[in-house]
Amino acid sequence: MKAIKVRANNVSKSFGNVEVLKGVDIEVRAGEVVVVLGPSGSGKTTLLRSLNLLEIPDGGSLEVCGHHVDIPADKRFDRAARREIALLRQRTAMVFQSFNLFPHMTALQNVIEGLISVKRIPRDQALMRGLELLAQVGLADKRDSYPSSLSGGQKQRVAIARGLAMDPEVIFFDEPTSALDPELRDEVLGVMRELADQGMTMLVVTHEVRFAREVADRVIFMEGGRIQKDCDKEAFFGAESGERIRQFLGRL
């Protein structure tokens, strides 16, 4: 059985009086593509951001890429925990809905920034790696283009290349195609399919049912801050999925 790359136990999170995550448990194994579906406000994005501690949960524990973090009641991490968090983040990548590219940097500069500033790789080596990654996502000819001149699909592919530059063990995708029109959406989904074929471990929050049907190993359905169903895609899209899931899918 493949190693567990992501594990969350009893993770909770509230914003004010609103309890967004209610004791969530999740596991993702190496090489799995897990798609998280659910209505708006169900806690999907908060869960994703909690797994790499962009959002600090109120309680629970995480183990990501072998790095374990218990969430203290006061959310004050000691030095050892902060080191674990830093190492955890270095082994994961996050692709955001809004791209989050640096507008003053070219596509190539965006891709190599982490290699130089975080991994301390010499610039000439970083440039070679950056060009390889832009070619991988079909954007070798956009190396000197700034984000303002790129389409939404191109921006998202640059963002994926930037994430891959860090050689992550896991990539988290937060609604990566929701801001794109159908043609540009297919560009990004095509890159994600290739990553899945290469064995990348991926946790994907999306409304792309077709992607889930074709690529996912497992599908998780969240609602009301809880995981309501976690199963392989055949069971999720099958006749025994349950009335609530059929209703949800019918609205997409």
C-alpha atoms as a PDB file:
ATOM      1  CA  MET A   1       0.000   0.000   0.000  1.00  0.00           C
ATOM      2  CA  LYS A   2       1.292   3.438  -0.916  1.00  0.00           C
ATOM      3  CA  ALA A   3       2.478   5.863   1.749  1.00  0.00           C
ATOM      4  CA  ILE A   4       0.115   8.480   3.122  1.00  0.00           C
ATOM      5  CA  LYS A   5       1.140  11.933   1.897  1.00  0.00           C
ATOM      6  CA  VAL A   6      -1.623  13.963   3.557  1.00  0.00           C
ATOM      7  CA  ARG A   7      -3.438  13.166   6.779  1.00  0.00           C
ATOM      8  CA  ALA A   8      -5.709  15.443   8.791  1.00  0.00           C
ATOM      9  CA  ASN A   9      -7.288  14.384  12.063  1.00  0.00           C
ATOM     10  CA  ASN A  10     -10.202  16.201  13.692  1.00  0.00           C
ATOM     11  CA  VAL A  11      -9.375  19.520  12.033  1.00  0.00           C
ATOM     12  CA  SER A  12     -11.707  22.343  13.033  1.00  0.00           C
ATOM     13  CA  LYS A  13     -11.897  25.981  11.999  1.00  0.00           C
ATOM     14  CA  SER A  14     -14.267  28.827  12.786  1.00  0.00           C
ATOM     15  CA  PHE A  15     -14.487  32.381  11.536  1.00  0.00           C
ATOM     16  CA  GLY A  16     -16.201  34.343  14.259  1.00  0.00           C
ATOM     17  CA  ASN A  17     -19.311  32.398  15.197  1.00  0.00           C
ATOM     18  CA  VAL A  18     -19.349  30.423  11.951  1.00  0.00           C
ATOM     19  CA  GLU A  19     -17.920  26.913  12.261  1.00  0.00           C
ATOM     20  CA  VAL A  20     -16.474  26.217   8.822  1.00  0.00           C
ATOM     21  CA  LEU A  21     -14.697  22.898   9.503  1.00  0.00           C
ATOM     22  CA  LYS A  22     -16.195  20.505  12.031  1.00  0.00           C
ATOM     23  CA  GLY A  23     -13.679  17.840  12.960  1.00  0.00           C
ATOM     24  CA  VAL A  24     -12.578  16.850   9.459  1.00  0.00           C
ATOM     25  CA  ASP A  25     -10.522  13.703   8.851  1.00  0.00           C
ATOM     26  CA  ILE A  26      -8.862  13.038   5.502  1.00  0.00           C
ATOM     27  CA  GLU A  27      -6.098  10.902   4.019  1.00  0.00           C
ATOM     28  CA  VAL A  28      -4.426  11.105   0.614  1.00  0.00           C
ATOM     29  CA  ARG A  29      -1.922   8.477  -0.491  1.00  0.00           C
ATOM     30  CA  ALA A  30       1.045   8.903  -2.806  1.00  0.00           C
ATOM     31  CA  GLY A  31       0.007   9.170  -6.431  1.00  0.00           C
ATOM     32  CA  GLU A  32      -3.676   9.663  -5.685  1.00  0.00           C
ATOM     33  CA  VAL A  33      -5.808  12.314  -7.342  1.00  0.00           C
ATOM     34  CA  VAL A  34      -8.529  13.281  -4.878  1.00  0.00           C
ATOM     35  CA  VAL A  35     -11.231  15.710  -5.997  1.00  0.00           C
ATOM     36  CA  VAL A  36     -13.246  17.632  -3.400  1.00  0.00           C
ATOM     37  CA  LEU A  37     -16.752  18.631  -4.464  1.00  0.00           C
ATOM     38  CA  GLY A  38     -19.492  20.409  -2.566  1.00  0.00           C
ATOM     39  CA  PRO A  39     -21.699  23.481  -2.531  1.00  0.00           C
ATOM     40  CA  SER A  40     -20.321  26.961  -1.894  1.00  0.00           C
ATOM     41  CA  GLY A  41     -19.634  27.541   1.784  1.00  0.00           C
ATOM     42  CA  SER A  42     -19.126  23.860   2.551  1.00  0.00           C
ATOM     43  CA  GLY A  43     -15.539  24.351   3.782  1.00  0.00           C
ATOM     44  CA  LYS A  44     -13.625  23.026   0.769  1.00  0.00           C
ATOM     45  CA  THR A  45     -11.200  25.924   0.324  1.00  0.00           C
ATOM     46  CA  THR A  46     -10.712  26.339   4.073  1.00  0.00           C
ATOM     47  CA  LEU A  47      -9.778  22.659   4.310  1.00  0.00           C
ATOM     48  CA  LEU A  48      -7.248  23.007   1.506  1.00  0.00           C
ATOM     49  CA  ARG A  49      -5.692  26.131   3.031  1.00  0.00           C
ATOM     50  CA  SER A  50      -5.571  24.439   6.432  1.00  0.00           C
ATOM     51  CA  LEU A  51      -3.648  21.451   5.095  1.00  0.00           C
ATOM     52  CA  ASN A  52      -0.611  23.589   4.299  1.00  0.00           C
ATOM     53  CA  LEU A  53      -1.330  26.012   7.143  1.00  0.00           C
ATOM     54  CA  LEU A  54      -2.036  29.046   5.016  1.00  0.00           C
ATOM     55  CA  GLU A  55      -5.039  29.061   7.329  1.00  0.00           C
ATOM     56  CA  ILE A  56      -4.302  28.027  10.916  1.00  0.00           C
ATOM     57  CA  PRO A  57      -6.959  25.593  12.162  1.00  0.00           C
ATOM     58  CA  ASP A  58      -8.450  25.955  15.633  1.00  0.00           C
ATOM     59  CA  GLY A  59      -7.665  22.366  16.523  1.00  0.00           C
ATOM     60  CA  GLY A  60      -6.646  18.952  15.293  1.00  0.00           C
ATOM     61  CA  SER A  61      -3.433  17.609  13.797  1.00  0.00           C
ATOM     62  CA  LEU A  62      -1.834  17.380  10.362  1.00  0.00           C
ATOM     63  CA  GLU A  63       0.766  15.158   8.770  1.00  0.00           C
ATOM     64  CA  VAL A  64       1.868  16.228   5.319  1.00  0.00           C
ATOM     65  CA  CYS A  65       4.799  14.646   3.463  1.00  0.00           C
ATOM     66  CA  GLY A  66       6.048  13.153   6.724  1.00  0.00           C
ATOM     67  CA  HIS A  67       5.890  16.379   8.730  1.00  0.00           C
ATOM     68  CA  HIS A  68       3.578  16.306  11.745  1.00  0.00           C
ATOM     69  CA  VAL A  69       1.963  19.379  13.280  1.00  0.00           C
ATOM     70  CA  ASP A  70      -0.378  19.436  16.284  1.00  0.00           C
ATOM     71  CA  ILE A  71      -2.445  22.615  16.491  1.00  0.00           C
ATOM     72  CA  PRO A  72      -2.022  24.161  19.969  1.00  0.00           C
ATOM     73  CA  ALA A  73      -5.072  25.678  21.631  1.00  0.00           C
ATOM     74  CA  ASP A  74      -3.486  29.147  21.549  1.00  0.00           C
ATOM     75  CA  LYS A  75      -2.171  28.647  17.969  1.00  0.00           C
ATOM     76  CA  ARG A  76       1.310  29.583  19.131  1.00  0.00           C
ATOM     77  CA  PHE A  77       3.792  27.200  17.581  1.00  0.00           C
ATOM     78  CA  ASP A  78       7.131  26.508  19.210  1.00  0.00           C
ATOM     79  CA  ARG A  79      10.361  26.528  17.223  1.00  0.00           C
ATOM     80  CA  ALA A  80      10.219  22.822  16.379  1.00  0.00           C
ATOM     81  CA  ALA A  81       6.650  23.135  15.084  1.00  0.00           C
ATOM     82  CA  ARG A  82       7.532  26.179  13.002  1.00  0.00           C
ATOM     83  CA  ARG A  83      10.352  24.215  11.421  1.00  0.00           C
ATOM     84  CA  GLU A  84       7.950  21.369  10.600  1.00  0.00           C
ATOM     85  CA  ILE A  85       5.560  23.856   9.007  1.00  0.00           C
ATOM     86  CA  ALA A  86       8.352  25.362   6.902  1.00  0.00           C
ATOM     87  CA  LEU A  87       9.457  21.920   5.693  1.00  0.00           C
ATOM     88  CA  LEU A  88       5.841  20.910   5.018  1.00  0.00           C
ATOM     89  CA  ARG A  89       5.326  23.948   2.818  1.00  0.00           C
ATOM     90  CA  GLN A  90       8.537  23.272   0.910  1.00  0.00           C
ATOM     91  CA  ARG A  91       7.247  19.816  -0.038  1.00  0.00           C
ATOM     92  CA  THR A  92       3.866  21.024  -1.263  1.00  0.00           C
ATOM     93  CA  ALA A  93       2.629  23.496  -3.844  1.00  0.00           C
ATOM     94  CA  MET A  94      -0.594  25.476  -4.025  1.00  0.00           C
ATOM     95  CA  VAL A  95      -2.327  26.625  -7.203  1.00  0.00           C
ATOM     96  CA  PHE A  96      -4.858  29.353  -6.521  1.00  0.00           C
ATOM     97  CA  GLN A  97      -8.062  30.378  -8.255  1.00  0.00           C
ATOM     98  CA  SER A  98      -6.692  33.905  -8.784  1.00  0.00           C
ATOM     99  CA  PHE A  99      -3.247  32.799 -10.123  1.00  0.00           C
ATOM    100  CA  ASN A 100      -1.256  34.967  -7.619  1.00  0.00           C
ATOM    101  CA  LEU A 101       1.508  35.741 -10.086  1.00  0.00           C
ATOM    102  CA  PHE A 102       3.884  38.632  -9.494  1.00  0.00           C
ATOM    103  CA  PRO A 103       2.716  41.269 -12.012  1.00  0.00           C
ATOM    104  CA  HIS A 104       6.135  42.928 -12.289  1.00  0.00           C
ATOM    105  CA  MET A 105       7.853  39.663 -13.260  1.00  0.00           C
ATOM    106  CA  THR A 106       7.847  37.815 -16.585  1.00  0.00           C
ATOM    107  CA  ALA A 107       6.474  34.286 -16.835  1.00  0.00           C
ATOM    108  CA  LEU A 108       9.976  32.857 -16.513  1.00  0.00           C
ATOM    109  CA  GLN A 109      10.836  35.089 -13.560  1.00  0.00           C
ATOM    110  CA  ASN A 110       7.658  33.999 -11.787  1.00  0.00           C
ATOM    111  CA  VAL A 111       8.573  30.347 -12.264  1.00  0.00           C
ATOM    112  CA  ILE A 112      12.159  30.618 -11.023  1.00  0.00           C
ATOM    113  CA  GLU A 113      11.621  33.035  -8.122  1.00  0.00           C
ATOM    114  CA  GLY A 114      11.166  30.237  -5.564  1.00  0.00           C
ATOM    115  CA  LEU A 115      14.130  28.290  -6.918  1.00  0.00           C
ATOM    116  CA  ILE A 116      16.401  31.264  -6.329  1.00  0.00           C
ATOM    117  CA  SER A 117      14.962  32.769  -3.141  1.00  0.00           C
ATOM    118  CA  VAL A 118      13.885  29.602  -1.303  1.00  0.00           C
ATOM    119  CA  LYS A 119      16.004  26.778  -2.694  1.00  0.00           C
ATOM    120  CA  ARG A 120      19.071  28.981  -3.302  1.00  0.00           C
ATOM    121  CA  ILE A 121      19.697  27.406  -6.691  1.00  0.00           C
ATOM    122  CA  PRO A 122      22.199  29.307  -8.876  1.00  0.00           C
ATOM    123  CA  ARG A 123      20.452  31.559 -11.371  1.00  0.00           C
ATOM    124  CA  ASP A 124      21.730  29.814 -14.494  1.00  0.00           C
ATOM    125  CA  GLN A 125      20.455  26.452 -13.233  1.00  0.00           C
ATOM    126  CA  ALA A 126      17.142  28.016 -12.197  1.00  0.00           C
ATOM    127  CA  LEU A 127      16.734  29.514 -15.666  1.00  0.00           C
ATOM    128  CA  MET A 128      17.267  26.124 -17.314  1.00  0.00           C
ATOM    129  CA  ARG A 129      14.729  24.492 -15.001  1.00  0.00           C
ATOM    130  CA  GLY A 130      12.248  27.326 -15.530  1.00  0.00           C
ATOM    131  CA  LEU A 131      12.461  26.977 -19.322  1.00  0.00           C
ATOM    132  CA  GLU A 132      11.884  23.226 -19.032  1.00  0.00           C
ATOM    133  CA  LEU A 133       8.780  23.784 -16.933  1.00  0.00           C
ATOM    134  CA  LEU A 134       7.336  26.456 -19.215  1.00  0.00           C
ATOM    135  CA  ALA A 135       7.816  24.022 -22.108  1.00  0.00           C
ATOM    136  CA  GLN A 136       6.085  21.304 -20.072  1.00  0.00           C
ATOM    137  CA  VAL A 137       2.953  23.457 -19.688  1.00  0.00           C
ATOM    138  CA  GLY A 138       3.089  24.598 -23.336  1.00  0.00           C
ATOM    139  CA  LEU A 139       4.350  28.135 -22.739  1.00  0.00           C
ATOM    140  CA  ALA A 140       7.963  28.112 -23.869  1.00  0.00           C
ATOM    141  CA  ASP A 141       7.200  31.023 -26.202  1.00  0.00           C
ATOM    142  CA  LYS A 142       5.842  33.141 -23.327  1.00  0.00           C
ATOM    143  CA  ARG A 143       9.009  33.195 -21.228  1.00  0.00           C
ATOM    144  CA  ASP A 144       9.401  36.991 -21.498  1.00  0.00           C
ATOM    145  CA  SER A 145       5.705  37.868 -21.275  1.00  0.00           C
ATOM    146  CA  TYR A 146       4.273  39.653 -18.249  1.00  0.00           C
ATOM    147  CA  PRO A 147       1.046  38.407 -16.627  1.00  0.00           C
ATOM    148  CA  SER A 148      -0.905  41.388 -17.964  1.00  0.00           C
ATOM    149  CA  SER A 149      -0.361  40.135 -21.527  1.00  0.00           C
ATOM    150  CA  LEU A 150      -1.345  36.513 -20.793  1.00  0.00           C
ATOM    151  CA  SER A 151      -4.776  34.932 -20.979  1.00  0.00           C
ATOM    152  CA  GLY A 152      -6.295  33.465 -17.843  1.00  0.00           C
ATOM    153  CA  GLY A 153      -5.444  29.952 -18.960  1.00  0.00           C
ATOM    154  CA  GLN A 154      -1.842  30.949 -19.645  1.00  0.00           C
ATOM    155  CA  LYS A 155      -1.563  32.613 -16.239  1.00  0.00           C
ATOM    156  CA  GLN A 156      -2.793  29.468 -14.542  1.00  0.00           C
ATOM    157  CA  ARG A 157      -0.346  27.310 -16.478  1.00  0.00           C
ATOM    158  CA  VAL A 158       2.483  29.617 -15.384  1.00  0.00           C
ATOM    159  CA  ALA A 159       1.231  29.220 -11.814  1.00  0.00           C
ATOM    160  CA  ILE A 160       1.331  25.437 -12.192  1.00  0.00           C
ATOM    161  CA  ALA A 161       4.884  25.622 -13.583  1.00  0.00           C
ATOM    162  CA  ARG A 162       5.857  27.801 -10.626  1.00  0.00           C
ATOM    163  CA  GLY A 163       4.502  25.181  -8.249  1.00  0.00           C
ATOM    164  CA  LEU A 164       6.296  22.361 -10.063  1.00  0.00           C
ATOM    165  CA  ALA A 165       9.579  24.280  -9.814  1.00  0.00           C
ATOM    166  CA  MET A 166       9.712  23.439  -6.116  1.00  0.00           C
ATOM    167  CA  ASP A 167       9.571  19.682  -6.878  1.00  0.00           C
ATOM    168  CA  PRO A 168       6.535  19.191  -4.634  1.00  0.00           C
ATOM    169  CA  GLU A 169       5.366  15.825  -3.392  1.00  0.00           C
ATOM    170  CA  VAL A 170       1.771  17.095  -3.295  1.00  0.00           C
ATOM    171  CA  ILE A 171      -0.014  19.848  -5.222  1.00  0.00           C
ATOM    172  CA  PHE A 172      -3.152  21.478  -3.827  1.00  0.00           C
ATOM    173  CA  PHE A 173      -5.452  23.041  -6.438  1.00  0.00           C
ATOM    174  CA  ASP A 174      -8.060  25.536  -5.234  1.00  0.00           C
ATOM    175  CA  GLU A 175     -10.723  26.039  -7.935  1.00  0.00           C
ATOM    176  CA  PRO A 176      -7.991  26.345 -10.607  1.00  0.00           C
ATOM    177  CA  THR A 177     -10.418  26.796 -13.512  1.00  0.00           C
ATOM    178  CA  SER A 178     -13.337  28.685 -11.964  1.00  0.00           C
ATOM    179  CA  ALA A 179     -12.213  32.070 -13.346  1.00  0.00           C
ATOM    180  CA  LEU A 180     -11.734  30.752 -16.887  1.00  0.00           C
ATOM    181  CA  ASP A 181     -13.979  30.383 -19.904  1.00  0.00           C
ATOM    182  CA  PRO A 182     -14.456  26.842 -21.300  1.00  0.00           C
ATOM    183  CA  GLU A 183     -11.647  26.904 -23.880  1.00  0.00           C
ATOM    184  CA  LEU A 184      -9.068  28.227 -21.420  1.00  0.00           C
ATOM    185  CA  ARG A 185     -10.375  25.812 -18.784  1.00  0.00           C
ATOM    186  CA  ASP A 186      -9.512  22.879 -21.029  1.00  0.00           C
ATOM    187  CA  GLU A 187      -5.920  24.166 -21.375  1.00  0.00           C
ATOM    188  CA  VAL A 188      -5.435  23.999 -17.618  1.00  0.00           C
ATOM    189  CA  LEU A 189      -7.269  20.710 -17.146  1.00  0.00           C
ATOM    190  CA  GLY A 190      -5.071  19.206 -19.850  1.00  0.00           C
ATOM    191  CA  VAL A 191      -1.940  20.080 -17.862  1.00  0.00           C
ATOM    192  CA  MET A 192      -3.519  18.650 -14.709  1.00  0.00           C
ATOM    193  CA  ARG A 193      -4.352  15.409 -16.520  1.00  0.00           C
ATOM    194  CA  GLU A 194      -0.733  15.094 -17.612  1.00  0.00           C
ATOM    195  CA  LEU A 195       0.444  15.575 -14.028  1.00  0.00           C
ATOM    196  CA  ALA A 196      -1.969  12.869 -12.879  1.00  0.00           C
ATOM    197  CA  ASP A 197      -0.649  10.524 -15.577  1.00  0.00           C
ATOM    198  CA  GLN A 198       2.870  11.181 -14.272  1.00  0.00           C
ATOM    199  CA  GLY A 199       1.832  10.075 -10.767  1.00  0.00           C
ATOM    200  CA  MET A 200       1.649  13.449  -9.036  1.00  0.00           C
ATOM    201  CA  THR A 201      -0.280  13.426  -5.765  1.00  0.00           C
ATOM    202  CA  MET A 202      -3.060  15.988  -6.133  1.00  0.00           C
ATOM    203  CA  LEU A 203      -5.879  17.293  -3.962  1.00  0.00           C
ATOM    204  CA  VAL A 204      -8.243  19.327  -6.141  1.00  0.00           C
ATOM    205  CA  VAL A 205     -11.107  21.545  -5.005  1.00  0.00           C
ATOM    206  CA  THR A 206     -13.232  22.102  -8.094  1.00  0.00           C
ATOM    207  CA  HIS A 207     -16.664  22.037  -9.679  1.00  0.00           C
ATOM    208  CA  GLU A 208     -15.266  20.262 -12.746  1.00  0.00           C
ATOM    209  CA  VAL A 209     -17.335  17.088 -12.663  1.00  0.00           C
ATOM    210  CA  ARG A 210     -15.889  15.840 -15.953  1.00  0.00           C
ATOM    211  CA  PHE A 211     -12.361  16.069 -14.525  1.00  0.00           C
ATOM    212  CA  ALA A 212     -13.489  14.143 -11.444  1.00  0.00           C
ATOM    213  CA  ARG A 213     -15.100  11.435 -13.593  1.00  0.00           C
ATOM    214  CA  GLU A 214     -12.071  11.049 -15.847  1.00  0.00           C
ATOM    215  CA  VAL A 215      -9.064  11.642 -13.604  1.00  0.00           C
ATOM    216  CA  ALA A 216      -9.923  11.277  -9.912  1.00  0.00           C
ATOM    217  CA  ASP A 217      -9.099   8.168  -7.938  1.00  0.00           C
ATOM    218  CA  ARG A 218     -11.392   9.298  -5.144  1.00  0.00           C
ATOM    219  CA  VAL A 219     -14.079  11.921  -4.760  1.00  0.00           C
ATOM    220  CA  ILE A 220     -14.905  13.664  -1.483  1.00  0.00           C
ATOM    221  CA  PHE A 221     -18.214  15.450  -0.995  1.00  0.00           C
ATOM    222  CA  MET A 222     -18.255  18.203   1.634  1.00  0.00           C
ATOM    223  CA  GLU A 223     -21.260  19.974   3.063  1.00  0.00           C
ATOM    224  CA  GLY A 224     -21.812  21.916   6.246  1.00  0.00           C
ATOM    225  CA  GLY A 225     -18.153  21.765   7.241  1.00  0.00           C
ATOM    226  CA  ARG A 226     -18.017  17.972   7.200  1.00  0.00           C
ATOM    227  CA  ILE A 227     -17.005  15.244   4.787  1.00  0.00           C
ATOM    228  CA  GLN A 228     -20.280  13.588   3.910  1.00  0.00           C
ATOM    229  CA  LYS A 229     -18.889  11.027   1.467  1.00  0.00           C
ATOM    230  CA  ASP A 230     -15.405   9.768   0.595  1.00  0.00           C
ATOM    231  CA  CYS A 231     -15.236   6.987  -1.977  1.00  0.00           C
ATOM    232  CA  ASP A 232     -13.804   5.976  -5.340  1.00  0.00           C
ATOM    233  CA  LYS A 233     -15.233   7.763  -8.351  1.00  0.00           C
ATOM    234  CA  GLU A 234     -17.184   4.732  -9.572  1.00  0.00           C
ATOM    235  CA  ALA A 235     -19.153   4.629  -6.333  1.00  0.00           C
ATOM    236  CA  PHE A 236     -19.554   8.403  -6.230  1.00  0.00           C
ATOM    237  CA  PHE A 237     -21.028   8.664  -9.709  1.00  0.00           C
ATOM    238  CA  GLY A 238     -22.850   5.341  -9.503  1.00  0.00           C
ATOM    239  CA  ALA A 239     -26.456   4.487  -8.792  1.00  0.00           C
ATOM    240  CA  GLU A 240     -25.843   4.062  -5.060  1.00  0.00           C
ATOM    241  CA  SER A 241     -24.372   7.541  -4.501  1.00  0.00           C
ATOM    242  CA  GLY A 242     -27.421   8.799  -2.643  1.00  0.00           C
ATOM    243  CA  GLU A 243     -30.120  11.369  -3.255  1.00  0.00           C
ATOM    244  CA  ARG A 244     -28.160  14.376  -1.947  1.00  0.00           C
ATOM    245  CA  ILE A 245     -25.211  13.777  -4.270  1.00  0.00           C
ATOM    246  CA  ARG A 246     -27.470  13.142  -7.266  1.00  0.00           C
ATOM    247  CA  GLN A 247     -29.236  16.408  -6.472  1.00  0.00           C
ATOM    248  CA  PHE A 248     -25.916  18.268  -6.223  1.00  0.00           C
ATOM    249  CA  LEU A 249     -24.594  16.832  -9.483  1.00  0.00           C
ATOM    250  CA  GLY A 250     -27.840  17.639 -11.222  1.00  0.00           C
ATOM    251  CA  ARG A 251     -27.358  21.328 -10.476  1.00  0.00           C
ATOM    252  CA  LEU A 252     -23.852  21.542 -11.956  1.00  0.00           C
END
